[in-house]
Protein backbone atom coordinates (compact mmCIF):
# COMPACT_ATOMS: atom_id res chain seq x y z
CA MET A 1 0.00 0.00 0.00
CA LEU A 2 1.26 3.49 -0.84
CA ASP A 3 2.12 5.76 2.06
CA TYR A 4 -0.58 8.43 1.80
CA LYS A 5 -0.12 11.40 4.13
CA ARG A 6 -3.02 13.69 3.15
CA ILE A 7 -6.34 12.03 2.37
CA GLY A 8 -9.68 13.58 1.46
CA LEU A 9 -13.06 11.91 2.00
CA TYR A 10 -15.88 13.10 -0.25
CA GLY A 11 -19.08 11.24 0.47
CA GLY A 12 -22.63 11.48 -0.81
CA THR A 13 -25.30 9.59 -2.69
CA PHE A 14 -23.81 10.50 -6.09
CA ASN A 15 -27.22 9.91 -7.60
CA PRO A 16 -26.00 10.40 -10.27
CA PRO A 17 -22.38 11.61 -10.11
CA HIS A 18 -22.05 14.71 -12.31
CA ILE A 19 -19.39 17.12 -13.46
CA GLY A 20 -20.15 19.45 -10.54
CA HIS A 21 -19.04 16.71 -8.15
CA ILE A 22 -15.89 16.03 -10.12
CA GLN A 23 -14.91 19.65 -10.64
CA ALA A 24 -15.36 20.39 -6.94
CA ALA A 25 -13.34 17.30 -6.03
CA LYS A 26 -10.55 18.36 -8.39
CA SER A 27 -10.42 21.86 -6.88
CA ALA A 28 -10.26 20.44 -3.36
CA ALA A 29 -7.55 17.91 -4.22
CA GLU A 30 -5.37 20.60 -5.79
CA GLN A 31 -5.87 23.29 -3.14
CA LEU A 32 -5.44 20.92 -0.18
CA ARG A 33 -2.53 19.11 -1.88
CA LEU A 34 -4.11 15.72 -1.24
CA ASP A 35 -2.23 12.50 -1.91
CA LEU A 36 -5.50 10.56 -2.17
CA LEU A 37 -9.13 11.59 -2.60
CA LEU A 38 -11.73 8.95 -1.77
CA LEU A 39 -15.11 9.39 -3.46
CA THR A 40 -17.44 7.32 -1.29
CA PRO A 41 -21.08 6.67 -2.24
CA SER A 42 -23.35 6.05 0.72
CA ALA A 43 -25.38 2.89 1.10
CA LEU A 44 -28.24 4.53 3.04
CA PRO A 45 -27.77 8.25 3.76
CA PRO A 46 -28.81 8.93 7.37
CA HIS A 47 -30.10 12.45 6.67
CA LYS A 48 -32.48 11.67 3.78
CA GLU A 49 -34.18 8.86 1.91
CA LEU A 50 -32.96 7.84 -1.53
CA PRO A 51 -35.62 8.79 -4.10
CA ASP A 52 -37.84 6.02 -5.42
CA GLN A 53 -36.35 4.00 -8.29
CA SER A 54 -32.82 5.19 -7.51
CA PRO A 55 -30.07 2.92 -8.88
CA ASP A 56 -28.59 0.53 -6.35
CA GLY A 57 -25.21 1.09 -4.76
CA GLU A 58 -23.38 -1.05 -7.29
CA ALA A 59 -24.72 1.07 -10.17
CA ARG A 60 -23.87 4.36 -8.43
CA MET A 61 -20.39 3.00 -7.72
CA GLU A 62 -19.89 2.04 -11.35
CA MET A 63 -21.01 5.47 -12.54
CA LEU A 64 -18.68 7.13 -10.04
CA ARG A 65 -15.75 5.11 -11.39
CA MET A 66 -16.61 6.33 -14.88
CA ALA A 67 -17.10 9.95 -13.78
CA SER A 68 -13.79 10.12 -11.91
CA LYS A 69 -11.74 8.41 -14.60
CA GLY A 70 -8.64 10.52 -15.20
CA LEU A 71 -9.06 12.61 -12.03
CA CYS A 72 -5.62 12.73 -10.46
CA CYS A 73 -5.28 10.99 -7.06
CA ALA A 74 -9.03 10.21 -6.93
CA GLU A 75 -10.44 6.77 -6.23
CA ALA A 76 -14.03 5.55 -6.07
CA ASP A 77 -14.31 3.86 -2.67
CA ASP A 78 -16.95 1.32 -1.64
CA THR A 79 -16.36 1.36 2.13
CA GLU A 80 -19.92 2.38 2.96
CA LEU A 81 -21.54 0.13 0.37
CA ARG A 82 -19.68 -2.91 1.70
CA ARG A 83 -20.56 -2.02 5.28
CA GLY A 84 -24.24 -1.58 4.44
CA GLY A 85 -26.89 -0.03 6.64
CA LYS A 86 -26.98 3.68 7.39
CA SER A 87 -23.79 5.38 6.24
CA TYR A 88 -22.56 7.24 9.29
CA THR A 89 -19.42 9.22 8.53
CA VAL A 90 -17.86 8.49 11.94
CA HIS A 91 -17.84 4.74 11.18
CA THR A 92 -16.34 5.34 7.74
CA LEU A 93 -13.55 7.47 9.22
CA GLU A 94 -12.79 4.80 11.81
CA GLN A 95 -12.38 2.22 9.04
CA LEU A 96 -10.24 4.54 6.94
CA GLN A 97 -7.97 5.43 9.84
CA GLU A 98 -7.33 1.74 10.36
CA ARG A 99 -6.61 1.34 6.66
CA TYR A 100 -4.33 4.37 6.44
CA PRO A 101 -2.64 4.74 9.85
CA GLY A 102 -0.90 8.04 10.42
CA ALA A 103 -2.61 9.88 7.54
CA GLU A 104 -4.21 13.29 7.99
CA PHE A 105 -7.84 13.37 6.82
CA TRP A 106 -9.99 16.11 5.32
CA LEU A 107 -13.77 15.75 5.19
CA LEU A 108 -15.04 17.45 2.02
CA VAL A 109 -18.56 18.89 2.25
CA GLY A 110 -20.78 21.32 0.42
CA THR A 111 -22.34 24.38 2.03
CA ASP A 112 -25.61 22.77 3.13
CA MET A 113 -23.89 19.84 4.84
CA PHE A 114 -21.29 22.12 6.44
CA LEU A 115 -23.96 24.31 8.03
CA THR A 116 -25.47 21.27 9.81
CA LEU A 117 -22.28 19.46 10.83
CA GLN A 118 -23.01 19.84 14.54
CA ASP A 119 -26.19 17.78 14.02
CA TRP A 120 -24.40 14.77 12.51
CA TYR A 121 -24.19 11.50 14.38
CA GLN A 122 -21.19 11.75 16.79
CA SER A 123 -20.22 15.10 15.31
CA GLU A 124 -17.76 15.87 18.11
CA ARG A 125 -15.87 12.65 17.41
CA ILE A 126 -15.86 13.38 13.66
CA LEU A 127 -14.43 16.85 14.16
CA SER A 128 -11.68 15.47 16.37
CA MET A 129 -10.65 13.03 13.63
CA VAL A 130 -10.54 15.28 10.56
CA ARG A 131 -10.04 18.70 9.14
CA VAL A 132 -13.11 19.98 7.31
CA ALA A 133 -12.93 21.41 3.79
CA VAL A 134 -16.08 23.21 2.65
CA PHE A 135 -16.60 24.16 -0.98
CA PRO A 136 -19.40 26.71 -1.36
CA ARG A 137 -21.26 26.80 -4.64
CA ALA A 138 -19.61 28.92 -7.29
CA SER A 139 -22.64 31.22 -7.32
CA GLN A 140 -22.35 31.82 -3.54
CA PRO A 141 -18.66 32.11 -2.62
CA ARG A 142 -17.73 32.78 1.03
CA LEU A 143 -21.26 33.19 2.33
CA PRO A 144 -21.38 34.99 5.70
CA ALA A 145 -23.11 31.88 7.05
CA ILE A 146 -20.02 29.81 6.26
CA GLU A 147 -17.79 32.14 8.27
CA ARG A 148 -20.21 32.15 11.21
CA GLN A 149 -20.35 28.35 11.15
CA ARG A 150 -16.57 28.09 10.92
CA GLN A 151 -16.18 30.29 13.99
CA TYR A 152 -18.83 28.32 15.88
CA LEU A 153 -17.34 24.89 15.11
CA THR A 154 -13.87 26.13 15.99
CA ALA A 155 -14.98 27.51 19.34
CA ALA A 156 -17.33 24.69 20.30
CA TYR A 157 -15.43 21.68 18.98
CA GLY A 158 -11.93 22.83 18.18
CA ALA A 159 -12.68 22.16 14.50
CA ARG A 160 -10.11 22.92 11.82
CA VAL A 161 -11.86 24.30 8.75
CA ASP A 162 -10.56 25.12 5.26
CA VAL A 163 -12.64 26.88 2.61
CA VAL A 164 -11.98 25.66 -0.94
CA VAL A 165 -12.41 28.01 -3.87
CA ASN A 166 -14.98 26.24 -6.01
CA THR A 167 -15.69 27.13 -9.65
CA ALA A 168 -17.62 23.94 -10.41
CA VAL A 169 -20.81 23.91 -12.46
CA ASP A 170 -23.72 24.63 -10.11
CA ILE A 171 -26.10 21.70 -10.61
CA SER A 172 -27.78 19.50 -8.01
CA SER A 173 -28.35 15.81 -8.49
CA SER A 174 -32.07 16.24 -7.84
CA HIS A 175 -32.40 18.85 -10.58
CA LEU A 176 -30.30 16.72 -12.91
CA ARG A 177 -32.60 13.74 -12.34
CA GLU A 178 -35.53 15.93 -13.42
CA LEU A 179 -33.66 16.96 -16.56
CA LEU A 180 -32.79 13.37 -17.44
CA ALA A 181 -36.43 12.35 -17.16
CA GLN A 182 -37.12 14.96 -19.86
CA GLY A 183 -34.31 13.70 -22.10
CA LEU A 184 -32.08 16.64 -21.10
CA GLY A 185 -28.97 17.17 -18.95
CA ARG A 186 -26.38 15.32 -21.01
CA GLU A 187 -23.93 18.23 -20.71
CA TYR A 188 -23.68 17.73 -16.93
CA LEU A 189 -22.43 14.14 -17.15
CA HIS A 190 -19.31 12.32 -18.25
CA PRO A 191 -20.17 10.67 -21.60
CA ASP A 192 -19.71 7.18 -20.14
CA VAL A 193 -22.06 7.99 -17.27
CA TYR A 194 -24.68 9.43 -19.59
CA ASN A 195 -24.63 6.35 -21.77
CA TYR A 196 -24.70 4.03 -18.76
CA ILE A 197 -27.88 5.83 -17.67
CA ALA A 198 -29.35 5.81 -21.17
CA CYS A 199 -28.55 2.15 -21.76
CA ARG A 200 -30.36 1.11 -18.57
CA GLY A 201 -33.20 3.62 -18.77
CA LEU A 202 -32.33 5.08 -15.36
CA TYR A 203 -33.95 8.23 -13.95
CA GLY A 204 -36.96 7.92 -16.23
CA MET A 205 -34.98 8.10 -19.46
CA ARG A 206 -37.17 5.49 -21.11
CA ALA A 207 -39.37 8.37 -22.22
CA GLY A 208 -37.06 8.60 -25.20
CA ARG A 209 -35.01 11.26 -26.91
CA GLU A 210 -35.18 13.37 -30.00
CA PRO A 211 -34.17 11.55 -33.20
CA VAL A 212 -30.46 11.55 -33.94
CA ARG A 213 -29.33 14.71 -35.71
CA ASP A 214 -25.72 15.13 -34.58
CA LEU A 215 -23.70 12.26 -36.06
CA ASP A 216 -20.46 13.33 -34.37
CA GLY A 217 -22.24 13.34 -31.02
CA LEU A 218 -23.80 9.96 -31.79
CA ARG A 219 -20.41 8.50 -32.70
CA SER A 220 -18.91 9.76 -29.44
CA ALA A 221 -21.84 8.39 -27.45
CA ALA A 222 -21.79 5.02 -29.22
CA LEU A 223 -18.05 4.51 -28.80
CA SER A 224 -18.19 5.39 -25.10
CA MET A 225 -20.58 2.47 -24.57
CA LEU A 226 -18.08 -0.06 -25.88
CA ALA A 227 -15.22 -2.04 -24.43
CA PRO A 228 -12.04 -0.47 -25.86
CA LYS A 229 -11.18 -3.56 -27.91
CA ARG A 230 -14.52 -3.28 -29.77
CA VAL A 231 -14.05 0.31 -30.93
CA PRO A 232 -12.07 -0.59 -34.11
CA HIS A 233 -14.77 -3.08 -35.08
CA VAL A 234 -17.61 -0.56 -34.76
CA LEU A 235 -15.70 2.14 -36.64
CA GLY A 236 -14.88 -0.41 -39.33
CA CYS A 237 -18.52 -1.43 -39.49
CA GLU A 238 -19.52 2.22 -39.91
CA GLU A 239 -17.06 2.60 -42.80
CA GLU A 240 -18.17 -0.61 -44.49
CA ALA A 241 -21.88 0.08 -44.03
CA VAL A 242 -21.63 3.46 -45.73
CA LYS A 243 -19.70 1.94 -48.65
CA LEU A 244 -22.19 -0.91 -49.06
CA ALA A 245 -25.11 1.51 -48.83
CA GLY A 246 -23.57 3.59 -51.59
CA ARG A 247 -23.03 0.52 -53.76
CA TRP A 248 -26.56 -0.86 -53.42
CA GLY A 249 -28.68 2.26 -52.97
CA ALA A 250 -29.47 2.17 -49.25
CA ASP A 251 -29.65 5.37 -47.18
CA PRO A 252 -26.03 6.04 -46.10
CA GLU A 253 -27.02 8.06 -43.02
CA LYS A 254 -29.28 5.30 -41.73
CA ALA A 255 -26.54 2.77 -42.46
CA ARG A 256 -24.06 4.87 -40.48
CA ILE A 257 -26.39 5.22 -37.49
CA ALA A 258 -27.24 1.51 -37.43
CA ALA A 259 -23.57 0.54 -37.70
CA LEU A 260 -22.52 2.86 -34.88
CA LEU A 261 -25.22 1.55 -32.53
CA HIS A 262 -25.38 -2.13 -33.54
CA ASP A 263 -23.17 -3.24 -30.61
CA CYS A 264 -24.24 -0.60 -28.09
CA THR A 265 -25.15 -3.22 -25.45
CA LYS A 266 -22.52 -5.79 -26.38
CA ARG A 267 -20.49 -4.92 -23.29
CA LEU A 268 -23.23 -6.10 -20.92
CA GLU A 269 -23.06 -9.52 -19.29
CA LEU A 270 -25.93 -12.01 -19.56
CA PRO A 271 -27.67 -11.01 -16.28
CA GLN A 272 -27.67 -7.36 -17.39
CA GLN A 273 -28.97 -8.31 -20.83
CA LEU A 274 -31.79 -10.30 -19.27
CA GLN A 275 -32.62 -7.40 -16.96
CA LEU A 276 -32.98 -5.10 -19.97
CA CYS A 277 -35.23 -7.65 -21.65
CA ARG A 278 -37.49 -7.73 -18.60
CA GLN A 279 -37.46 -3.94 -18.33
CA TYR A 280 -38.46 -3.37 -21.94
CA GLY A 281 -40.70 -6.41 -22.39
CA ILE A 282 -38.43 -8.12 -24.95
CA ILE A 283 -39.69 -11.66 -25.59
CA LEU A 284 -37.00 -14.34 -25.83
CA ASP A 285 -36.94 -17.90 -27.09
CA LYS A 286 -35.10 -20.77 -25.38
CA ILE A 287 -31.89 -20.26 -27.35
CA GLU A 288 -31.75 -16.53 -26.69
CA GLU A 289 -32.25 -16.92 -22.94
CA THR A 290 -28.71 -18.24 -22.58
CA ALA A 291 -26.96 -16.67 -25.58
CA ASN A 292 -25.42 -13.29 -24.85
CA LYS A 293 -24.32 -12.96 -28.49
CA LEU A 294 -27.94 -13.11 -29.63
CA LEU A 295 -29.36 -10.93 -26.86
CA HIS A 296 -27.22 -7.90 -27.60
CA ALA A 297 -28.89 -7.46 -31.00
CA LYS A 298 -32.36 -7.26 -29.42
CA THR A 299 -31.38 -5.10 -26.45
CA GLY A 300 -29.18 -2.92 -28.64
CA ALA A 301 -32.02 -2.25 -31.07
CA THR A 302 -34.32 -1.39 -28.18
CA ILE A 303 -31.85 1.00 -26.55
CA ALA A 304 -31.15 2.60 -29.94
CA ARG A 305 -34.86 3.29 -30.36
CA GLU A 306 -35.77 4.20 -26.78
CA ASN A 307 -32.77 6.36 -25.97
CA PHE A 308 -31.42 7.50 -29.33
CA GLY A 309 -34.68 7.93 -31.22
CA VAL A 310 -33.71 5.81 -34.25
CA SER A 311 -36.22 5.01 -36.98
CA ASP A 312 -37.99 1.67 -37.31
CA GLU A 313 -35.77 0.86 -40.30
CA VAL A 314 -32.58 1.36 -38.27
CA TYR A 315 -34.13 -0.53 -35.35
CA GLY A 316 -34.75 -3.54 -37.62
CA ALA A 317 -31.21 -3.44 -39.03
CA ILE A 318 -29.75 -3.62 -35.52
CA TYR A 319 -32.30 -6.20 -34.31
CA TRP A 320 -31.48 -8.68 -37.09
CA HIS A 321 -27.75 -8.07 -37.53
CA THR A 322 -26.76 -11.29 -35.73
CA THR A 323 -29.26 -13.93 -36.83
CA GLY A 324 -30.61 -12.48 -40.06
CA LYS A 325 -34.20 -13.30 -41.03
CA ALA A 326 -36.34 -14.14 -44.02
CA ASP A 327 -37.31 -11.25 -46.31
CA MET A 328 -34.62 -8.86 -45.05
CA THR A 329 -34.77 -5.20 -46.05
CA LEU A 330 -31.91 -3.65 -47.97
CA LEU A 331 -30.62 -1.86 -44.87
CA GLU A 332 -30.79 -5.07 -42.83
CA LYS A 333 -28.68 -6.83 -45.46
CA VAL A 334 -26.16 -4.00 -45.51
CA ILE A 335 -25.68 -3.98 -41.73
CA TYR A 336 -25.48 -7.77 -41.48
CA LEU A 337 -22.71 -7.87 -44.08
CA ALA A 338 -20.91 -4.74 -42.86
CA ASP A 339 -20.70 -6.35 -39.41
CA TYR A 340 -19.31 -9.52 -41.02
CA ILE A 341 -16.73 -8.10 -43.43
CA GLU A 342 -15.56 -4.78 -41.93
CA PRO A 343 -11.82 -4.15 -42.35
CA SER A 344 -10.66 -5.47 -38.96
CA ARG A 345 -12.24 -8.89 -39.53
CA VAL A 346 -9.72 -11.65 -40.21
CA PHE A 347 -10.89 -15.21 -40.95
CA PRO A 348 -10.55 -17.74 -43.79
CA GLY A 349 -12.65 -16.64 -46.76
CA VAL A 350 -13.22 -13.04 -45.67
CA GLU A 351 -11.53 -11.54 -48.75
CA GLU A 352 -13.69 -13.59 -51.11
CA LEU A 353 -16.80 -12.61 -49.11
CA ARG A 354 -15.83 -8.91 -49.28
CA ALA A 355 -15.46 -9.06 -53.04
CA LEU A 356 -18.77 -10.94 -53.42
CA ALA A 357 -20.59 -8.33 -51.29
CA TYR A 358 -19.93 -5.70 -53.97
CA ARG A 359 -20.89 -8.00 -56.88
CA ASP A 360 -23.98 -9.79 -55.58
CA LEU A 361 -25.44 -8.70 -52.26
CA ASP A 362 -27.85 -11.63 -51.81
CA SER A 363 -25.21 -14.24 -52.67
CA ALA A 364 -22.81 -12.64 -50.19
CA LEU A 365 -25.49 -12.59 -47.51
CA LEU A 366 -26.28 -16.25 -48.11
CA ARG A 367 -22.59 -17.16 -47.91
CA GLY A 368 -22.24 -15.21 -44.67
CA LEU A 369 -25.17 -17.06 -43.14
CA GLU A 370 -23.76 -20.40 -44.29
CA MET A 371 -20.40 -19.58 -42.71
CA THR A 372 -22.18 -18.69 -39.46
CA VAL A 373 -24.06 -22.00 -39.47
CA GLU A 374 -20.84 -23.92 -40.15
CA GLU A 375 -19.15 -22.16 -37.23
CA MET A 376 -22.05 -22.85 -34.86
CA LYS A 377 -22.10 -26.54 -35.78
CA GLU A 378 -18.35 -26.82 -35.23
CA LYS A 379 -18.80 -25.37 -31.76
CA GLY A 380 -21.75 -27.64 -31.02
CA SER A 381 -24.01 -24.60 -30.53
CA PRO A 382 -27.63 -24.47 -31.67
CA VAL A 383 -28.44 -22.52 -34.81
CA HIS A 384 -31.16 -19.93 -34.34
CA PRO A 385 -34.32 -20.67 -36.35
CA ALA A 386 -34.27 -17.15 -37.82
CA THR A 387 -30.90 -17.94 -39.40
CA VAL A 388 -32.28 -21.13 -40.95
CA ARG A 389 -35.29 -19.26 -42.32
CA ALA A 390 -33.01 -16.56 -43.73
CA GLN A 391 -30.93 -19.21 -45.51
CA ASP A 392 -33.97 -20.88 -47.00
CA TRP A 393 -35.38 -17.56 -48.18
CA LEU A 394 -32.12 -16.53 -49.82
CA LYS A 395 -31.63 -19.91 -51.48
CA GLY A 396 -35.03 -19.46 -53.07
CA LYS A 397 -34.01 -16.02 -54.34
CA THR A 398 -30.55 -16.91 -55.60
CA ASN A 399 -31.83 -20.09 -57.33
CA ALA A 400 -34.76 -18.33 -58.99
C-alpha cells in the first residue's frame, strides 16, 4: 500500500455523479494538496431517503468510477456500500484510519452539509478526527453563514476548517434527475455515465429522446458504450456500411447510425442483458435466454430506439444483424454484411466474401449465413431458427 499522508473523503449519494461533483473534487484535491481523494457513495444516507427508483449502490459506484476516470489521485471507494446499513461518517472514518494509519484526513462537504455538521451522528468525534474542507457553490462564494459556522465549530469543537475556492458547475443531483427524465442534462455528465444511464433507462430516461441529428455526437456516445477492444470493429462497421449503402442504394445516413449503434449493449453480461429484456418487455426464445451474443442485437435495437430515437428501419437493421431473417430489407442486409466483413475482420474466406458483397449482395449474404451455421455446428451450438429461415429464403431467391 502506498504511504498516503493527506487524504480527502468526499461522500454522498452521487445519484447520479455529475461534473459538478468532479470539478469540486478536483479543486479540493489541488488546493489541499491531497495524496488521495476517496469518493465514497453512501449505502443509506442517514439524513435523507434515496428517491424512489434510484439505482442501487453497485450502479452508483460504477457510474462514479466512470465519472472520476482521469481525475488525479481520486479513487471511487466502496467502504460504505460494503458495510451496508446507514452510512454514518464516523464509522467510515474509523475504518479509513485503520486502513491508512498516520494519515491526515480532510472531510469534504458542500455548504448545506457544512452548516449542519453539529447535528451529525457523533459530530464531536468526527471533528476530532478530521479537518473539514467546505466548498461553497460557485454562485455563492464565502457566504457569511459559512464564516459564522466556521467560527462556531472552531470555538465549540476545536474544528479545523478550510474553505476551498470552487468554480464547479452549479447543478444539483435532484435537478439533474428531473432533466434526465425529460431527455435533457447530457452536458452535466461524463459521456460514459450518460450512456450508462441511457442504456439502462435510469432516472426515467425510457421516455425517449429526440431523433439523432448530430452524427459526431452519436459517434462519441456510441463509442463510449463499448469495451475499448470493440471500438475498431464498430468504426470499421460504420465505414463498411456506408460503402455498401452507396453501392446498393441504401440510405447512407441510416446505415451509419445503425452501424454505430449495432453493438451498443454488447459490453453487458448475460444477467444485465436479461434485466434489460425484462425492463423493456423483450420476448425471448429458449436459445436466446442463454446466448449473450444473440441478446445484444435485441437489447441494442431497443436502446437505440428508446434512448437514441432511431427510426424503425434502423431498429430492424440492428435487431437482425446477428441472426438475419427471411425477407430482409436492404438496410438489414447492408448492416449484417458490414458487421461480417468490416476491415478489422480476419478469418478464412473473408476476402472472397468482401469481393462478393460488392458484386452480388444476396449471394454474399447467403454465404455469410452459411459460414455462421458452419461455425455454430463446429462449436456444437444451436443454430437460431431465424438464421435457418433466412438461408432458406435466400436460397429461393438466388436459385430463382
